[in-house]
């Protein structure tokens, strides 16, 4: 099975309301074959900066294992000597975050067409909304 581009997406929440709306939207996208959530880890970062796994009844007991491995945590959830991606700057203290490993299924046929034409991806980047506003593409958030 072909694999589309995979993104590690960190979504921050100041006062999380995990009512199921986000999971429902991810399920809708999965059903339409736009994206596939490969793994999901929800964490809380305390006022002291300590990051802890956030248990939630909507998540499978094994949820988060792949994300933890990518972040450099061992099987016990302890940080390894060197983290692959740092959460220190991405998640503010005293907040929560959902860290999703998402496969972009929509891009598989495009990637195949590019490869058949002799091309290959050479770079990719996600543009932050503030940068889009600075470029005049969208209105700045209040």
C-alpha atoms as a PDB file:
ATOM      1  CA  UNK A   1       0.000   0.000   0.000  1.00  0.00           C
ATOM      2  CA  UNK A   2       1.346   3.431  -0.968  1.00  0.00           C
ATOM      3  CA  UNK A   3       2.003   5.884   1.823  1.00  0.00           C
ATOM      4  CA  UNK A   4       1.286   9.572   1.409  1.00  0.00           C
ATOM      5  CA  UNK A   5       3.308  12.377   3.015  1.00  0.00           C
ATOM      6  CA  UNK A   6       3.289  12.104   6.800  1.00  0.00           C
ATOM      7  CA  UNK A   7       3.086  15.130   9.075  1.00  0.00           C
ATOM      8  CA  UNK A   8       3.595  15.457  12.822  1.00  0.00           C
ATOM      9  CA  UNK A   9       0.994  18.044  13.799  1.00  0.00           C
ATOM     10  CA  UNK A  10       0.930  19.647  17.257  1.00  0.00           C
ATOM     11  CA  UNK A  11      -2.369  21.310  18.184  1.00  0.00           C
ATOM     12  CA  UNK A  12      -2.326  23.427  21.344  1.00  0.00           C
ATOM     13  CA  UNK A  13      -5.187  24.007  23.762  1.00  0.00           C
ATOM     14  CA  UNK A  14      -5.178  26.613  26.545  1.00  0.00           C
ATOM     15  CA  UNK A  15      -8.346  25.239  28.139  1.00  0.00           C
ATOM     16  CA  UNK A  16      -9.083  21.952  26.382  1.00  0.00           C
ATOM     17  CA  UNK A  17     -12.664  20.865  25.799  1.00  0.00           C
ATOM     18  CA  UNK A  18     -12.212  17.291  24.655  1.00  0.00           C
ATOM     19  CA  UNK A  19     -15.894  16.769  23.873  1.00  0.00           C
ATOM     20  CA  UNK A  20     -15.123  14.599  20.845  1.00  0.00           C
ATOM     21  CA  UNK A  21     -15.513  17.253  18.121  1.00  0.00           C
ATOM     22  CA  UNK A  22     -11.871  17.077  17.031  1.00  0.00           C
ATOM     23  CA  UNK A  23     -11.877  13.275  16.935  1.00  0.00           C
ATOM     24  CA  UNK A  24     -15.164  13.354  14.985  1.00  0.00           C
ATOM     25  CA  UNK A  25     -13.645  15.696  12.390  1.00  0.00           C
ATOM     26  CA  UNK A  26     -10.554  13.516  12.050  1.00  0.00           C
ATOM     27  CA  UNK A  27     -12.833  10.509  11.553  1.00  0.00           C
ATOM     28  CA  UNK A  28     -14.787  12.384   8.850  1.00  0.00           C
ATOM     29  CA  UNK A  29     -11.558  13.185   7.007  1.00  0.00           C
ATOM     30  CA  UNK A  30     -10.404   9.576   7.346  1.00  0.00           C
ATOM     31  CA  UNK A  31     -13.688   8.284   5.957  1.00  0.00           C
ATOM     32  CA  UNK A  32     -13.292  10.542   2.912  1.00  0.00           C
ATOM     33  CA  UNK A  33      -9.717   9.201   2.456  1.00  0.00           C
ATOM     34  CA  UNK A  34      -8.288  12.728   2.654  1.00  0.00           C
ATOM     35  CA  UNK A  35      -6.107  11.948   5.673  1.00  0.00           C
ATOM     36  CA  UNK A  36      -5.384   8.994   7.894  1.00  0.00           C
ATOM     37  CA  UNK A  37      -4.446   9.462  11.532  1.00  0.00           C
ATOM     38  CA  UNK A  38      -1.567   7.067  12.091  1.00  0.00           C
ATOM     39  CA  UNK A  39      -1.276   7.881  15.778  1.00  0.00           C
ATOM     40  CA  UNK A  40      -2.460  10.431  18.330  1.00  0.00           C
ATOM     41  CA  UNK A  41      -0.959  11.439  21.652  1.00  0.00           C
ATOM     42  CA  UNK A  42      -2.590  13.950  24.000  1.00  0.00           C
ATOM     43  CA  UNK A  43      -0.348  15.559  26.588  1.00  0.00           C
ATOM     44  CA  UNK A  44      -0.524  18.168  29.320  1.00  0.00           C
ATOM     45  CA  UNK A  45       2.415  20.445  30.057  1.00  0.00           C
ATOM     46  CA  UNK A  46       2.349  21.637  33.641  1.00  0.00           C
ATOM     47  CA  UNK A  47       3.300  25.065  34.988  1.00  0.00           C
ATOM     48  CA  UNK A  48       6.770  23.617  35.715  1.00  0.00           C
ATOM     49  CA  UNK A  49       7.212  22.482  32.094  1.00  0.00           C
ATOM     50  CA  UNK A  50       6.815  18.763  32.805  1.00  0.00           C
ATOM     51  CA  UNK A  51       5.001  16.947  29.975  1.00  0.00           C
ATOM     52  CA  UNK A  52       2.631  14.118  30.938  1.00  0.00           C
ATOM     53  CA  UNK A  53       0.453  11.816  28.869  1.00  0.00           C
ATOM     54  CA  UNK A  54      -3.212  12.836  29.110  1.00  0.00           C
ATOM     55  CA  UNK A  55      -5.507   9.828  29.437  1.00  0.00           C
ATOM     56  CA  UNK A  56      -8.803  10.100  27.573  1.00  0.00           C
ATOM     57  CA  UNK A  57     -11.549   7.516  27.244  1.00  0.00           C
ATOM     58  CA  UNK A  58     -11.979   8.141  23.488  1.00  0.00           C
ATOM     59  CA  UNK A  59      -8.402   7.054  22.787  1.00  0.00           C
ATOM     60  CA  UNK A  60      -7.170   3.491  22.370  1.00  0.00           C
ATOM     61  CA  UNK A  61      -4.899   2.281  25.184  1.00  0.00           C
ATOM     62  CA  UNK A  62      -2.004   1.982  22.693  1.00  0.00           C
ATOM     63  CA  UNK A  63      -2.602   5.441  21.215  1.00  0.00           C
ATOM     64  CA  UNK A  64       0.478   7.604  21.214  1.00  0.00           C
ATOM     65  CA  UNK A  65       3.139   4.884  21.084  1.00  0.00           C
ATOM     66  CA  UNK A  66       4.383   5.830  17.600  1.00  0.00           C
ATOM     67  CA  UNK A  67       4.376   9.558  18.389  1.00  0.00           C
ATOM     68  CA  UNK A  68       6.248   8.890  21.635  1.00  0.00           C
ATOM     69  CA  UNK A  69       8.878   6.892  19.729  1.00  0.00           C
ATOM     70  CA  UNK A  70       9.289   9.712  17.172  1.00  0.00           C
ATOM     71  CA  UNK A  71       9.653  12.224  19.989  1.00  0.00           C
ATOM     72  CA  UNK A  72      12.386  10.096  21.547  1.00  0.00           C
ATOM     73  CA  UNK A  73      10.535   8.614  24.511  1.00  0.00           C
ATOM     74  CA  UNK A  74      11.195   5.032  25.561  1.00  0.00           C
ATOM     75  CA  UNK A  75       8.540   2.376  26.278  1.00  0.00           C
ATOM     76  CA  UNK A  76       8.140   3.689  29.839  1.00  0.00           C
ATOM     77  CA  UNK A  77       7.401   7.197  28.548  1.00  0.00           C
ATOM     78  CA  UNK A  78      10.738   8.572  29.753  1.00  0.00           C
ATOM     79  CA  UNK A  79      12.666  10.997  27.550  1.00  0.00           C
ATOM     80  CA  UNK A  80      15.706   9.461  25.907  1.00  0.00           C
ATOM     81  CA  UNK A  81      19.079  11.199  26.002  1.00  0.00           C
ATOM     82  CA  UNK A  82      18.253  13.038  22.782  1.00  0.00           C
ATOM     83  CA  UNK A  83      14.710  13.860  21.698  1.00  0.00           C
ATOM     84  CA  UNK A  84      14.109  13.815  17.935  1.00  0.00           C
ATOM     85  CA  UNK A  85      11.587  16.647  18.178  1.00  0.00           C
ATOM     86  CA  UNK A  86      11.389  18.980  21.133  1.00  0.00           C
ATOM     87  CA  UNK A  87       8.052  19.857  22.674  1.00  0.00           C
ATOM     88  CA  UNK A  88       9.612  22.508  24.925  1.00  0.00           C
ATOM     89  CA  UNK A  89       8.998  25.418  22.572  1.00  0.00           C
ATOM     90  CA  UNK A  90       5.951  24.046  20.760  1.00  0.00           C
ATOM     91  CA  UNK A  91       3.724  23.676  23.824  1.00  0.00           C
ATOM     92  CA  UNK A  92       3.406  26.531  26.343  1.00  0.00           C
ATOM     93  CA  UNK A  93       3.529  25.714  30.052  1.00  0.00           C
ATOM     94  CA  UNK A  94       0.179  24.992  31.707  1.00  0.00           C
ATOM     95  CA  UNK A  95      -1.569  23.901  28.513  1.00  0.00           C
ATOM     96  CA  UNK A  96      -2.508  20.745  26.632  1.00  0.00           C
ATOM     97  CA  UNK A  97      -1.662  19.508  23.160  1.00  0.00           C
ATOM     98  CA  UNK A  98      -2.828  16.826  20.779  1.00  0.00           C
ATOM     99  CA  UNK A  99       0.074  15.494  18.763  1.00  0.00           C
ATOM    100  CA  UNK A 100      -1.185  13.759  15.649  1.00  0.00           C
ATOM    101  CA  UNK A 101       0.795  11.749  13.138  1.00  0.00           C
ATOM    102  CA  UNK A 102      -1.232  12.296   9.981  1.00  0.00           C
ATOM    103  CA  UNK A 103      -0.830  10.718   6.546  1.00  0.00           C
ATOM    104  CA  UNK A 104      -1.982  12.945   3.689  1.00  0.00           C
ATOM    105  CA  UNK A 105      -3.757  10.372   1.513  1.00  0.00           C
ATOM    106  CA  UNK A 106      -4.850  13.011  -1.028  1.00  0.00           C
ATOM    107  CA  UNK A 107      -1.224  13.430  -2.136  1.00  0.00           C
ATOM    108  CA  UNK A 108      -0.533   9.814  -3.124  1.00  0.00           C
ATOM    109  CA  UNK A 109      -1.772  10.094  -6.708  1.00  0.00           C
ATOM    110  CA  UNK A 110      -0.011  13.455  -7.125  1.00  0.00           C
ATOM    111  CA  UNK A 111       3.253  11.944  -5.846  1.00  0.00           C
ATOM    112  CA  UNK A 112       2.836   9.025  -8.264  1.00  0.00           C
ATOM    113  CA  UNK A 113       2.251  11.412 -11.186  1.00  0.00           C
ATOM    114  CA  UNK A 114       5.306  13.500 -10.265  1.00  0.00           C
ATOM    115  CA  UNK A 115       7.468  10.355 -10.028  1.00  0.00           C
ATOM    116  CA  UNK A 116       6.185   9.083 -13.397  1.00  0.00           C
ATOM    117  CA  UNK A 117       7.127  12.459 -14.909  1.00  0.00           C
ATOM    118  CA  UNK A 118      10.667  12.071 -13.560  1.00  0.00           C
ATOM    119  CA  UNK A 119      10.251  14.440 -10.646  1.00  0.00           C
ATOM    120  CA  UNK A 120      10.751  14.091  -6.914  1.00  0.00           C
ATOM    121  CA  UNK A 121       9.932  16.230  -3.880  1.00  0.00           C
ATOM    122  CA  UNK A 122      12.873  18.444  -2.955  1.00  0.00           C
ATOM    123  CA  UNK A 123      11.388  20.500  -0.107  1.00  0.00           C
ATOM    124  CA  UNK A 124       8.153  21.097   1.727  1.00  0.00           C
ATOM    125  CA  UNK A 125       6.958  23.507   4.387  1.00  0.00           C
ATOM    126  CA  UNK A 126       3.767  24.493   6.133  1.00  0.00           C
ATOM    127  CA  UNK A 127       3.109  28.222   6.141  1.00  0.00           C
ATOM    128  CA  UNK A 128       1.989  29.645   9.497  1.00  0.00           C
ATOM    129  CA  UNK A 129      -1.252  31.698   9.476  1.00  0.00           C
ATOM    130  CA  UNK A 130       0.629  34.776  10.740  1.00  0.00           C
ATOM    131  CA  UNK A 131       2.904  34.570   7.691  1.00  0.00           C
ATOM    132  CA  UNK A 132      -0.133  34.295   5.398  1.00  0.00           C
ATOM    133  CA  UNK A 133      -1.585  37.400   7.036  1.00  0.00           C
ATOM    134  CA  UNK A 134       1.726  39.244   6.640  1.00  0.00           C
ATOM    135  CA  UNK A 135       1.679  38.372   2.928  1.00  0.00           C
ATOM    136  CA  UNK A 136      -1.866  39.758   2.642  1.00  0.00           C
ATOM    137  CA  UNK A 137      -3.422  36.412   1.729  1.00  0.00           C
ATOM    138  CA  UNK A 138      -5.715  36.318   4.795  1.00  0.00           C
ATOM    139  CA  UNK A 139      -6.846  38.835   7.386  1.00  0.00           C
ATOM    140  CA  UNK A 140      -4.789  38.988  10.552  1.00  0.00           C
ATOM    141  CA  UNK A 141      -6.389  37.393  13.583  1.00  0.00           C
ATOM    142  CA  UNK A 142      -7.575  39.921  16.185  1.00  0.00           C
END
